[in-house]
Amino acid sequence: MKTIKLWENDIPYLNPEADTPNSMDCYFVETWLPAPCVVILPGGGYSHRAPHEGGPIAEYFNSRGIHAVVVNYRVAPNRYPASLADAQRAIKLLRANAKAWAVDPNHIFTLGFSAGGHLSACCATLDDVLADREDADEIDKIPAKPNGCVLCYACVSFDREYGHFGCGVNFLGAERAEKESVYFSLENRVADDTPPTFIWHTSDDNVVNVIQAMRYGEALRRHGIPFEMHVYPNGPHGLGLAPDIVDISTWPKHCADWMIRQLRAGK
């Protein structure tokens, strides 16, 4: 594993009073041929990044011949668009260095857990927050949309009924969360160009309601976007690889198989 800076010079959307990791941890497989890459976004309610949803996930995908990077994206008190800028910059860097790093630039997947799942879906559904800046560099101008999106017990919605408003406060700030929670509830942002998606959740998750996964899946269905969804009957929030729960521990295999099918289908 090696750590690479997201920006060598000026960091956009900088909050001088907040932590700015400005890095991604790269787990590259040894290969001469271009391989797919998964961009991992750990959860943590946009207040921190959970370690068990980072490195161990990357190591699993490496075992399947898939490159992985764990993005140390900005969290509160940083606000939107800082975290999205970090995730999109990671994708752009992978494409900019595709030849040197043996990355297939047409098979880059975002994979996020809980709030990191929201960020994964942001990459899949929201506009590029870097390309049109006045001080954008050449890497910022590279396309940022992933070729596929993975949502692991993802907090995709900030609405007060079934969403997770607290994540919205950390992501946007309290005032903006009150005004813009509907816009950033990402089932409302799915469009015809949203990439294929893999979703998994547990039906009794008491932190992020499984209805969020179902709403996002229904939005994908309405737009004709291919998706695969696994809803497991029991399991708490924040499972990561879920090594101690036999049926749920199959999700990484199902997910990697899905990624490889996207590769073989040329999607």
C-alpha atoms as a PDB file:
ATOM      1  CA  MET A   1       0.000   0.000   0.000  1.00  0.00           C
ATOM      2  CA  LYS A   2       1.203   3.508  -0.763  1.00  0.00           C
ATOM      3  CA  THR A   3      -0.396   6.841   0.036  1.00  0.00           C
ATOM      4  CA  ILE A   4      -0.746   9.428  -2.719  1.00  0.00           C
ATOM      5  CA  LYS A   5      -1.741  13.087  -2.406  1.00  0.00           C
ATOM      6  CA  LEU A   6      -4.966  14.121  -4.086  1.00  0.00           C
ATOM      7  CA  TRP A   7      -3.593  17.615  -4.764  1.00  0.00           C
ATOM      8  CA  GLU A   8       0.036  18.688  -4.898  1.00  0.00           C
ATOM      9  CA  ASN A   9      -0.792  22.386  -4.686  1.00  0.00           C
ATOM     10  CA  ASP A  10      -3.914  24.358  -3.749  1.00  0.00           C
ATOM     11  CA  ILE A  11      -6.730  22.241  -2.324  1.00  0.00           C
ATOM     12  CA  PRO A  12     -10.205  23.368  -3.453  1.00  0.00           C
ATOM     13  CA  TYR A  13     -13.002  24.136  -1.001  1.00  0.00           C
ATOM     14  CA  LEU A  14     -10.463  24.338   1.815  1.00  0.00           C
ATOM     15  CA  ASN A  15     -11.648  24.998   5.359  1.00  0.00           C
ATOM     16  CA  PRO A  16      -8.528  26.134   7.261  1.00  0.00           C
ATOM     17  CA  GLU A  17     -10.176  25.246  10.573  1.00  0.00           C
ATOM     18  CA  ALA A  18     -10.885  21.619   9.600  1.00  0.00           C
ATOM     19  CA  ASP A  19      -8.774  18.526   9.033  1.00  0.00           C
ATOM     20  CA  THR A  20      -7.739  18.036   5.398  1.00  0.00           C
ATOM     21  CA  PRO A  21      -6.210  14.571   4.808  1.00  0.00           C
ATOM     22  CA  ASN A  22      -5.617  15.244   1.073  1.00  0.00           C
ATOM     23  CA  SER A  23      -4.749  11.613   0.349  1.00  0.00           C
ATOM     24  CA  MET A  24      -5.785   8.220  -0.919  1.00  0.00           C
ATOM     25  CA  ASP A  25      -4.321   4.880   0.115  1.00  0.00           C
ATOM     26  CA  CYS A  26      -3.542   2.824  -2.986  1.00  0.00           C
ATOM     27  CA  TYR A  27      -3.680  -0.961  -3.059  1.00  0.00           C
ATOM     28  CA  PHE A  28      -2.563  -1.871  -6.567  1.00  0.00           C
ATOM     29  CA  VAL A  29      -2.357  -5.467  -7.766  1.00  0.00           C
ATOM     30  CA  GLU A  30       0.709  -6.596  -9.692  1.00  0.00           C
ATOM     31  CA  THR A  31      -0.340  -6.757 -13.327  1.00  0.00           C
ATOM     32  CA  TRP A  32       0.913  -5.765 -16.766  1.00  0.00           C
ATOM     33  CA  LEU A  33      -2.607  -5.626 -18.135  1.00  0.00           C
ATOM     34  CA  PRO A  34      -5.094  -2.883 -17.237  1.00  0.00           C
ATOM     35  CA  ALA A  35      -7.299  -4.005 -14.346  1.00  0.00           C
ATOM     36  CA  PRO A  36     -10.510  -2.533 -12.927  1.00  0.00           C
ATOM     37  CA  CYS A  37     -10.280  -0.390  -9.822  1.00  0.00           C
ATOM     38  CA  VAL A  38     -12.637   0.173  -6.907  1.00  0.00           C
ATOM     39  CA  VAL A  39     -12.652   3.541  -5.124  1.00  0.00           C
ATOM     40  CA  ILE A  40     -13.536   2.786  -1.501  1.00  0.00           C
ATOM     41  CA  LEU A  41     -15.332   5.361   0.655  1.00  0.00           C
ATOM     42  CA  PRO A  42     -15.587   4.270   4.312  1.00  0.00           C
ATOM     43  CA  GLY A  43     -18.606   5.217   6.382  1.00  0.00           C
ATOM     44  CA  GLY A  44     -18.812   7.253   9.553  1.00  0.00           C
ATOM     45  CA  GLY A  45     -21.754   9.615   9.273  1.00  0.00           C
ATOM     46  CA  TYR A  46     -19.578  12.272   7.576  1.00  0.00           C
ATOM     47  CA  SER A  47     -17.985  12.786  11.000  1.00  0.00           C
ATOM     48  CA  HIS A  48     -15.148  10.245  10.651  1.00  0.00           C
ATOM     49  CA  ARG A  49     -14.015   7.359   8.418  1.00  0.00           C
ATOM     50  CA  ALA A  50     -14.355   3.822   9.790  1.00  0.00           C
ATOM     51  CA  PRO A  51     -11.052   1.895   9.429  1.00  0.00           C
ATOM     52  CA  HIS A  52     -12.707  -1.524   9.055  1.00  0.00           C
ATOM     53  CA  GLU A  53     -14.475  -0.232   5.934  1.00  0.00           C
ATOM     54  CA  GLY A  54     -11.210   0.747   4.260  1.00  0.00           C
ATOM     55  CA  GLY A  55      -8.062  -1.363   4.120  1.00  0.00           C
ATOM     56  CA  PRO A  56      -9.692  -4.780   4.712  1.00  0.00           C
ATOM     57  CA  ILE A  57     -12.107  -4.111   1.854  1.00  0.00           C
ATOM     58  CA  ALA A  58      -9.247  -3.124  -0.457  1.00  0.00           C
ATOM     59  CA  GLU A  59      -7.351  -6.296   0.391  1.00  0.00           C
ATOM     60  CA  TYR A  60     -10.339  -8.455  -0.480  1.00  0.00           C
ATOM     61  CA  PHE A  61     -10.750  -6.870  -3.902  1.00  0.00           C
ATOM     62  CA  ASN A  62      -7.003  -7.210  -4.510  1.00  0.00           C
ATOM     63  CA  SER A  63      -7.458 -10.948  -3.947  1.00  0.00           C
ATOM     64  CA  ARG A  64      -9.867 -10.886  -6.900  1.00  0.00           C
ATOM     65  CA  GLY A  65      -7.409  -9.076  -9.170  1.00  0.00           C
ATOM     66  CA  ILE A  66      -9.044  -5.662  -8.729  1.00  0.00           C
ATOM     67  CA  HIS A  67      -7.065  -2.535  -7.837  1.00  0.00           C
ATOM     68  CA  ALA A  68      -8.395  -0.557  -4.877  1.00  0.00           C
ATOM     69  CA  VAL A  69      -7.906   2.907  -3.425  1.00  0.00           C
ATOM     70  CA  VAL A  70      -9.276   4.097  -0.091  1.00  0.00           C
ATOM     71  CA  VAL A  71     -10.074   7.808  -0.205  1.00  0.00           C
ATOM     72  CA  ASN A  72      -9.395   9.756   2.978  1.00  0.00           C
ATOM     73  CA  TYR A  73     -12.129  12.215   2.109  1.00  0.00           C
ATOM     74  CA  ARG A  74     -12.916  15.283   4.189  1.00  0.00           C
ATOM     75  CA  VAL A  75     -15.581  15.059   6.892  1.00  0.00           C
ATOM     76  CA  ALA A  76     -17.295  17.564   9.219  1.00  0.00           C
ATOM     77  CA  PRO A  77     -16.735  20.380   9.939  1.00  0.00           C
ATOM     78  CA  ASN A  78     -15.878  20.391   6.231  1.00  0.00           C
ATOM     79  CA  ARG A  79     -19.050  20.792   4.165  1.00  0.00           C
ATOM     80  CA  TYR A  80     -20.214  19.991   0.658  1.00  0.00           C
ATOM     81  CA  PRO A  81     -18.636  20.010  -1.859  1.00  0.00           C
ATOM     82  CA  ALA A  82     -15.355  19.151  -0.076  1.00  0.00           C
ATOM     83  CA  SER A  83     -15.966  15.419   0.380  1.00  0.00           C
ATOM     84  CA  LEU A  84     -17.306  15.014  -3.158  1.00  0.00           C
ATOM     85  CA  ALA A  85     -14.317  16.935  -4.536  1.00  0.00           C
ATOM     86  CA  ASP A  86     -11.981  14.458  -2.837  1.00  0.00           C
ATOM     87  CA  ALA A  87     -13.823  11.416  -4.205  1.00  0.00           C
ATOM     88  CA  GLN A  88     -14.020  12.848  -7.715  1.00  0.00           C
ATOM     89  CA  ARG A  89     -10.345  13.820  -7.633  1.00  0.00           C
ATOM     90  CA  ALA A  90      -9.441  10.210  -6.805  1.00  0.00           C
ATOM     91  CA  ILE A  91     -11.342   9.005  -9.885  1.00  0.00           C
ATOM     92  CA  LYS A  92      -9.689  11.648 -12.057  1.00  0.00           C
ATOM     93  CA  LEU A  93      -6.229  10.706 -10.775  1.00  0.00           C
ATOM     94  CA  LEU A  94      -6.846   7.059 -11.610  1.00  0.00           C
ATOM     95  CA  ARG A  95      -7.808   7.970 -15.159  1.00  0.00           C
ATOM     96  CA  ALA A  96      -4.918  10.421 -15.523  1.00  0.00           C
ATOM     97  CA  ASN A  97      -2.440   7.750 -14.438  1.00  0.00           C
ATOM     98  CA  ALA A  98      -4.209   4.772 -15.991  1.00  0.00           C
ATOM     99  CA  LYS A  99      -1.242   3.647 -18.076  1.00  0.00           C
ATOM    100  CA  ALA A 100       1.371   4.058 -15.329  1.00  0.00           C
ATOM    101  CA  TRP A 101      -0.795   2.317 -12.725  1.00  0.00           C
ATOM    102  CA  ALA A 102      -2.224  -0.360 -15.074  1.00  0.00           C
ATOM    103  CA  VAL A 103      -5.773   0.813 -14.348  1.00  0.00           C
ATOM    104  CA  ASP A 104      -8.602   0.270 -16.822  1.00  0.00           C
ATOM    105  CA  PRO A 105     -10.019   3.826 -17.024  1.00  0.00           C
ATOM    106  CA  ASN A 106     -13.351   2.501 -18.303  1.00  0.00           C
ATOM    107  CA  HIS A 107     -13.942   0.222 -15.323  1.00  0.00           C
ATOM    108  CA  ILE A 108     -13.661   2.362 -12.205  1.00  0.00           C
ATOM    109  CA  PHE A 109     -16.230   1.661  -9.498  1.00  0.00           C
ATOM    110  CA  THR A 110     -17.078   3.658  -6.391  1.00  0.00           C
ATOM    111  CA  LEU A 111     -17.947   1.609  -3.307  1.00  0.00           C
ATOM    112  CA  GLY A 112     -19.183   3.215  -0.121  1.00  0.00           C
ATOM    113  CA  PHE A 113     -20.495   2.194   3.271  1.00  0.00           C
ATOM    114  CA  SER A 114     -23.244   4.102   5.105  1.00  0.00           C
ATOM    115  CA  ALA A 115     -22.372   7.811   4.652  1.00  0.00           C
ATOM    116  CA  GLY A 116     -19.610   6.690   2.304  1.00  0.00           C
ATOM    117  CA  GLY A 117     -22.404   5.036   0.331  1.00  0.00           C
ATOM    118  CA  HIS A 118     -24.032   8.442   0.031  1.00  0.00           C
ATOM    119  CA  LEU A 119     -20.732   9.752  -1.317  1.00  0.00           C
ATOM    120  CA  SER A 120     -20.502   6.812  -3.743  1.00  0.00           C
ATOM    121  CA  ALA A 121     -23.975   7.664  -5.029  1.00  0.00           C
ATOM    122  CA  CYS A 122     -23.016  11.371  -5.207  1.00  0.00           C
ATOM    123  CA  CYS A 123     -20.250  10.390  -7.621  1.00  0.00           C
ATOM    124  CA  ALA A 124     -22.799   8.443  -9.665  1.00  0.00           C
ATOM    125  CA  THR A 125     -25.543  11.072  -9.771  1.00  0.00           C
ATOM    126  CA  LEU A 126     -24.274  14.618  -9.097  1.00  0.00           C
ATOM    127  CA  ASP A 127     -22.374  17.070 -11.281  1.00  0.00           C
ATOM    128  CA  ASP A 128     -18.608  17.377 -11.365  1.00  0.00           C
ATOM    129  CA  VAL A 129     -17.578  19.952  -8.735  1.00  0.00           C
ATOM    130  CA  LEU A 130     -14.008  20.350 -10.023  1.00  0.00           C
ATOM    131  CA  ALA A 131     -13.974  20.680 -13.815  1.00  0.00           C
ATOM    132  CA  ASP A 132     -15.416  24.189 -14.135  1.00  0.00           C
ATOM    133  CA  ARG A 133     -13.456  25.938 -11.390  1.00  0.00           C
ATOM    134  CA  GLU A 134     -11.359  28.897 -12.545  1.00  0.00           C
ATOM    135  CA  ASP A 135      -8.223  27.348 -11.050  1.00  0.00           C
ATOM    136  CA  ALA A 136      -8.925  23.795 -12.245  1.00  0.00           C
ATOM    137  CA  ASP A 137      -5.810  21.917 -13.351  1.00  0.00           C
ATOM    138  CA  GLU A 138      -5.607  19.431 -16.219  1.00  0.00           C
ATOM    139  CA  ILE A 139      -6.487  16.489 -13.977  1.00  0.00           C
ATOM    140  CA  ASP A 140      -9.601  18.305 -12.734  1.00  0.00           C
ATOM    141  CA  LYS A 141     -10.865  18.422 -16.331  1.00  0.00           C
ATOM    142  CA  ILE A 142     -10.888  14.616 -16.685  1.00  0.00           C
ATOM    143  CA  PRO A 143     -14.368  13.007 -16.368  1.00  0.00           C
ATOM    144  CA  ALA A 144     -15.277  12.015 -12.817  1.00  0.00           C
ATOM    145  CA  LYS A 145     -18.336   9.793 -13.204  1.00  0.00           C
ATOM    146  CA  PRO A 146     -17.628   6.179 -12.201  1.00  0.00           C
ATOM    147  CA  ASN A 147     -18.479   3.265 -14.487  1.00  0.00           C
ATOM    148  CA  GLY A 148     -20.281   1.485 -11.682  1.00  0.00           C
ATOM    149  CA  CYS A 149     -21.495   2.235  -8.167  1.00  0.00           C
ATOM    150  CA  VAL A 150     -21.681   0.037  -5.054  1.00  0.00           C
ATOM    151  CA  LEU A 151     -23.869   0.937  -2.069  1.00  0.00           C
ATOM    152  CA  CYS A 152     -23.271  -0.929   1.197  1.00  0.00           C
ATOM    153  CA  TYR A 153     -25.998  -0.176   3.772  1.00  0.00           C
ATOM    154  CA  ALA A 154     -25.860   3.279   2.246  1.00  0.00           C
ATOM    155  CA  CYS A 155     -27.377   6.431   3.685  1.00  0.00           C
ATOM    156  CA  VAL A 156     -28.603   7.727   0.335  1.00  0.00           C
ATOM    157  CA  SER A 157     -31.389   9.915   1.736  1.00  0.00           C
ATOM    158  CA  PHE A 158     -31.484  12.829   4.176  1.00  0.00           C
ATOM    159  CA  ASP A 159     -35.263  13.090   4.556  1.00  0.00           C
ATOM    160  CA  ARG A 160     -36.635  13.060   8.096  1.00  0.00           C
ATOM    161  CA  GLU A 161     -39.060  10.152   7.652  1.00  0.00           C
ATOM    162  CA  TYR A 162     -36.839   7.335   6.359  1.00  0.00           C
ATOM    163  CA  GLY A 163     -33.522   9.081   5.752  1.00  0.00           C
ATOM    164  CA  HIS A 164     -30.658  10.050   8.036  1.00  0.00           C
ATOM    165  CA  PHE A 165     -30.923  13.775   8.641  1.00  0.00           C
ATOM    166  CA  GLY A 166     -27.869  13.793  10.921  1.00  0.00           C
ATOM    167  CA  CYS A 167     -25.663  12.731   8.021  1.00  0.00           C
ATOM    168  CA  GLY A 168     -27.156  15.593   6.061  1.00  0.00           C
ATOM    169  CA  VAL A 169     -26.203  18.068   8.786  1.00  0.00           C
ATOM    170  CA  ASN A 170     -22.601  16.844   8.753  1.00  0.00           C
ATOM    171  CA  PHE A 171     -22.484  16.864   4.945  1.00  0.00           C
ATOM    172  CA  LEU A 172     -24.163  20.222   4.337  1.00  0.00           C
ATOM    173  CA  GLY A 173     -24.300  22.078   7.640  1.00  0.00           C
ATOM    174  CA  ALA A 174     -27.501  22.519   9.643  1.00  0.00           C
ATOM    175  CA  GLU A 175     -28.953  25.449   7.701  1.00  0.00           C
ATOM    176  CA  ARG A 176     -28.392  23.931   4.254  1.00  0.00           C
ATOM    177  CA  ALA A 177     -29.624  20.532   5.441  1.00  0.00           C
ATOM    178  CA  GLU A 178     -32.969  22.078   6.358  1.00  0.00           C
ATOM    179  CA  LYS A 179     -33.283  23.666   2.914  1.00  0.00           C
ATOM    180  CA  GLU A 180     -31.614  21.127   0.613  1.00  0.00           C
ATOM    181  CA  SER A 181     -32.154  17.678   2.115  1.00  0.00           C
ATOM    182  CA  VAL A 182     -34.539  16.706  -0.698  1.00  0.00           C
ATOM    183  CA  TYR A 183     -32.038  17.627  -3.415  1.00  0.00           C
ATOM    184  CA  PHE A 184     -29.255  15.627  -1.747  1.00  0.00           C
ATOM    185  CA  SER A 185     -31.512  12.622  -1.150  1.00  0.00           C
ATOM    186  CA  LEU A 186     -30.011  10.803  -4.079  1.00  0.00           C
ATOM    187  CA  GLU A 187     -32.948   8.654  -5.087  1.00  0.00           C
ATOM    188  CA  ASN A 188     -34.154  12.000  -6.475  1.00  0.00           C
ATOM    189  CA  ARG A 189     -30.975  12.478  -8.537  1.00  0.00           C
ATOM    190  CA  VAL A 190     -30.944   9.163 -10.423  1.00  0.00           C
ATOM    191  CA  ALA A 191     -31.015   9.820 -14.182  1.00  0.00           C
ATOM    192  CA  ASP A 192     -30.613   7.994 -17.470  1.00  0.00           C
ATOM    193  CA  ASP A 193     -26.818   8.299 -17.272  1.00  0.00           C
ATOM    194  CA  THR A 194     -26.488   6.893 -13.742  1.00  0.00           C
ATOM    195  CA  PRO A 195     -24.089   3.929 -13.917  1.00  0.00           C
ATOM    196  CA  PRO A 196     -24.990   0.287 -13.140  1.00  0.00           C
ATOM    197  CA  THR A 197     -25.257  -0.269  -9.407  1.00  0.00           C
ATOM    198  CA  PHE A 198     -24.761  -3.032  -6.826  1.00  0.00           C
ATOM    199  CA  ILE A 199     -26.683  -2.616  -3.560  1.00  0.00           C
ATOM    200  CA  TRP A 200     -26.704  -4.584  -0.319  1.00  0.00           C
ATOM    201  CA  HIS A 201     -28.409  -3.929   2.987  1.00  0.00           C
ATOM    202  CA  THR A 202     -29.967  -5.774   5.934  1.00  0.00           C
ATOM    203  CA  SER A 203     -33.700  -5.626   6.446  1.00  0.00           C
ATOM    204  CA  ASP A 204     -33.452  -4.830  10.166  1.00  0.00           C
ATOM    205  CA  ASP A 205     -30.685  -2.192  10.010  1.00  0.00           C
ATOM    206  CA  ASN A 206     -31.692   0.166  12.834  1.00  0.00           C
ATOM    207  CA  VAL A 207     -29.403   3.030  11.779  1.00  0.00           C
ATOM    208  CA  VAL A 208     -30.057   3.329   8.040  1.00  0.00           C
ATOM    209  CA  ASN A 209     -33.524   2.094   7.098  1.00  0.00           C
ATOM    210  CA  VAL A 210     -33.548  -0.513   4.313  1.00  0.00           C
ATOM    211  CA  ILE A 211     -36.278   1.553   2.640  1.00  0.00           C
ATOM    212  CA  GLN A 212     -33.473   3.836   1.461  1.00  0.00           C
ATOM    213  CA  ALA A 213     -31.956   0.979  -0.571  1.00  0.00           C
ATOM    214  CA  MET A 214     -35.359   0.065  -1.954  1.00  0.00           C
ATOM    215  CA  ARG A 215     -36.144   3.656  -2.958  1.00  0.00           C
ATOM    216  CA  TYR A 216     -32.818   3.968  -4.739  1.00  0.00           C
ATOM    217  CA  GLY A 217     -33.359   0.645  -6.489  1.00  0.00           C
ATOM    218  CA  GLU A 218     -36.812   1.739  -7.602  1.00  0.00           C
ATOM    219  CA  ALA A 219     -35.363   4.966  -9.004  1.00  0.00           C
ATOM    220  CA  LEU A 220     -32.814   2.928 -10.964  1.00  0.00           C
ATOM    221  CA  ARG A 221     -35.596   0.683 -12.276  1.00  0.00           C
ATOM    222  CA  ARG A 222     -37.641   3.669 -13.460  1.00  0.00           C
ATOM    223  CA  HIS A 223     -34.674   4.935 -15.468  1.00  0.00           C
ATOM    224  CA  GLY A 224     -33.778   1.548 -16.910  1.00  0.00           C
ATOM    225  CA  ILE A 225     -30.426   1.373 -15.081  1.00  0.00           C
ATOM    226  CA  PRO A 226     -29.200  -2.202 -14.465  1.00  0.00           C
ATOM    227  CA  PHE A 227     -28.768  -3.007 -10.782  1.00  0.00           C
ATOM    228  CA  GLU A 228     -28.265  -5.972  -8.478  1.00  0.00           C
ATOM    229  CA  MET A 229     -29.639  -5.852  -4.941  1.00  0.00           C
ATOM    230  CA  HIS A 230     -29.145  -8.175  -1.966  1.00  0.00           C
ATOM    231  CA  VAL A 231     -31.242  -7.666   1.170  1.00  0.00           C
ATOM    232  CA  TYR A 232     -30.200  -9.946   4.022  1.00  0.00           C
ATOM    233  CA  PRO A 233     -32.814 -10.711   6.694  1.00  0.00           C
ATOM    234  CA  ASN A 234     -30.793  -9.884   9.812  1.00  0.00           C
ATOM    235  CA  GLY A 235     -27.688  -7.922  10.687  1.00  0.00           C
ATOM    236  CA  PRO A 236     -26.669  -4.698  12.428  1.00  0.00           C
ATOM    237  CA  HIS A 237     -25.391  -1.568  10.755  1.00  0.00           C
ATOM    238  CA  GLY A 238     -21.700  -1.126   9.998  1.00  0.00           C
ATOM    239  CA  LEU A 239     -20.752  -4.727   9.219  1.00  0.00           C
ATOM    240  CA  GLY A 240     -17.931  -4.130   6.760  1.00  0.00           C
ATOM    241  CA  LEU A 241     -16.868  -7.524   5.404  1.00  0.00           C
ATOM    242  CA  ALA A 242     -19.204  -9.195   7.943  1.00  0.00           C
ATOM    243  CA  PRO A 243     -16.735 -12.063   8.509  1.00  0.00           C
ATOM    244  CA  ASP A 244     -18.698 -13.552  11.412  1.00  0.00           C
ATOM    245  CA  ILE A 245     -22.104 -13.715   9.697  1.00  0.00           C
ATOM    246  CA  VAL A 246     -22.081 -16.585   7.238  1.00  0.00           C
ATOM    247  CA  ASP A 247     -24.772 -15.500   4.788  1.00  0.00           C
ATOM    248  CA  ILE A 248     -23.829 -11.792   4.753  1.00  0.00           C
ATOM    249  CA  SER A 249     -20.108 -12.539   4.394  1.00  0.00           C
ATOM    250  CA  THR A 250     -20.853 -13.599   0.814  1.00  0.00           C
ATOM    251  CA  TRP A 251     -21.509 -10.007  -0.270  1.00  0.00           C
ATOM    252  CA  PRO A 252     -17.896  -9.220  -1.309  1.00  0.00           C
ATOM    253  CA  LYS A 253     -17.844 -12.246  -3.612  1.00  0.00           C
ATOM    254  CA  HIS A 254     -21.181 -11.298  -5.156  1.00  0.00           C
ATOM    255  CA  CYS A 255     -19.944  -7.722  -5.598  1.00  0.00           C
ATOM    256  CA  ALA A 256     -16.616  -8.671  -7.187  1.00  0.00           C
ATOM    257  CA  ASP A 257     -18.426 -11.133  -9.471  1.00  0.00           C
ATOM    258  CA  TRP A 258     -20.749  -8.304 -10.510  1.00  0.00           C
ATOM    259  CA  MET A 259     -17.777  -6.029 -11.270  1.00  0.00           C
ATOM    260  CA  ILE A 260     -16.150  -8.725 -13.391  1.00  0.00           C
ATOM    261  CA  ARG A 261     -19.407  -9.218 -15.297  1.00  0.00           C
ATOM    262  CA  GLN A 262     -19.458  -5.477 -16.052  1.00  0.00           C
ATOM    263  CA  LEU A 263     -15.912  -5.818 -17.374  1.00  0.00           C
ATOM    264  CA  ARG A 264     -16.754  -8.793 -19.582  1.00  0.00           C
ATOM    265  CA  ALA A 265     -19.882  -7.113 -20.879  1.00  0.00           C
ATOM    266  CA  GLY A 266     -17.862  -4.042 -21.793  1.00  0.00           C
ATOM    267  CA  LYS A 267     -20.111  -1.775 -19.727  1.00  0.00           C
END
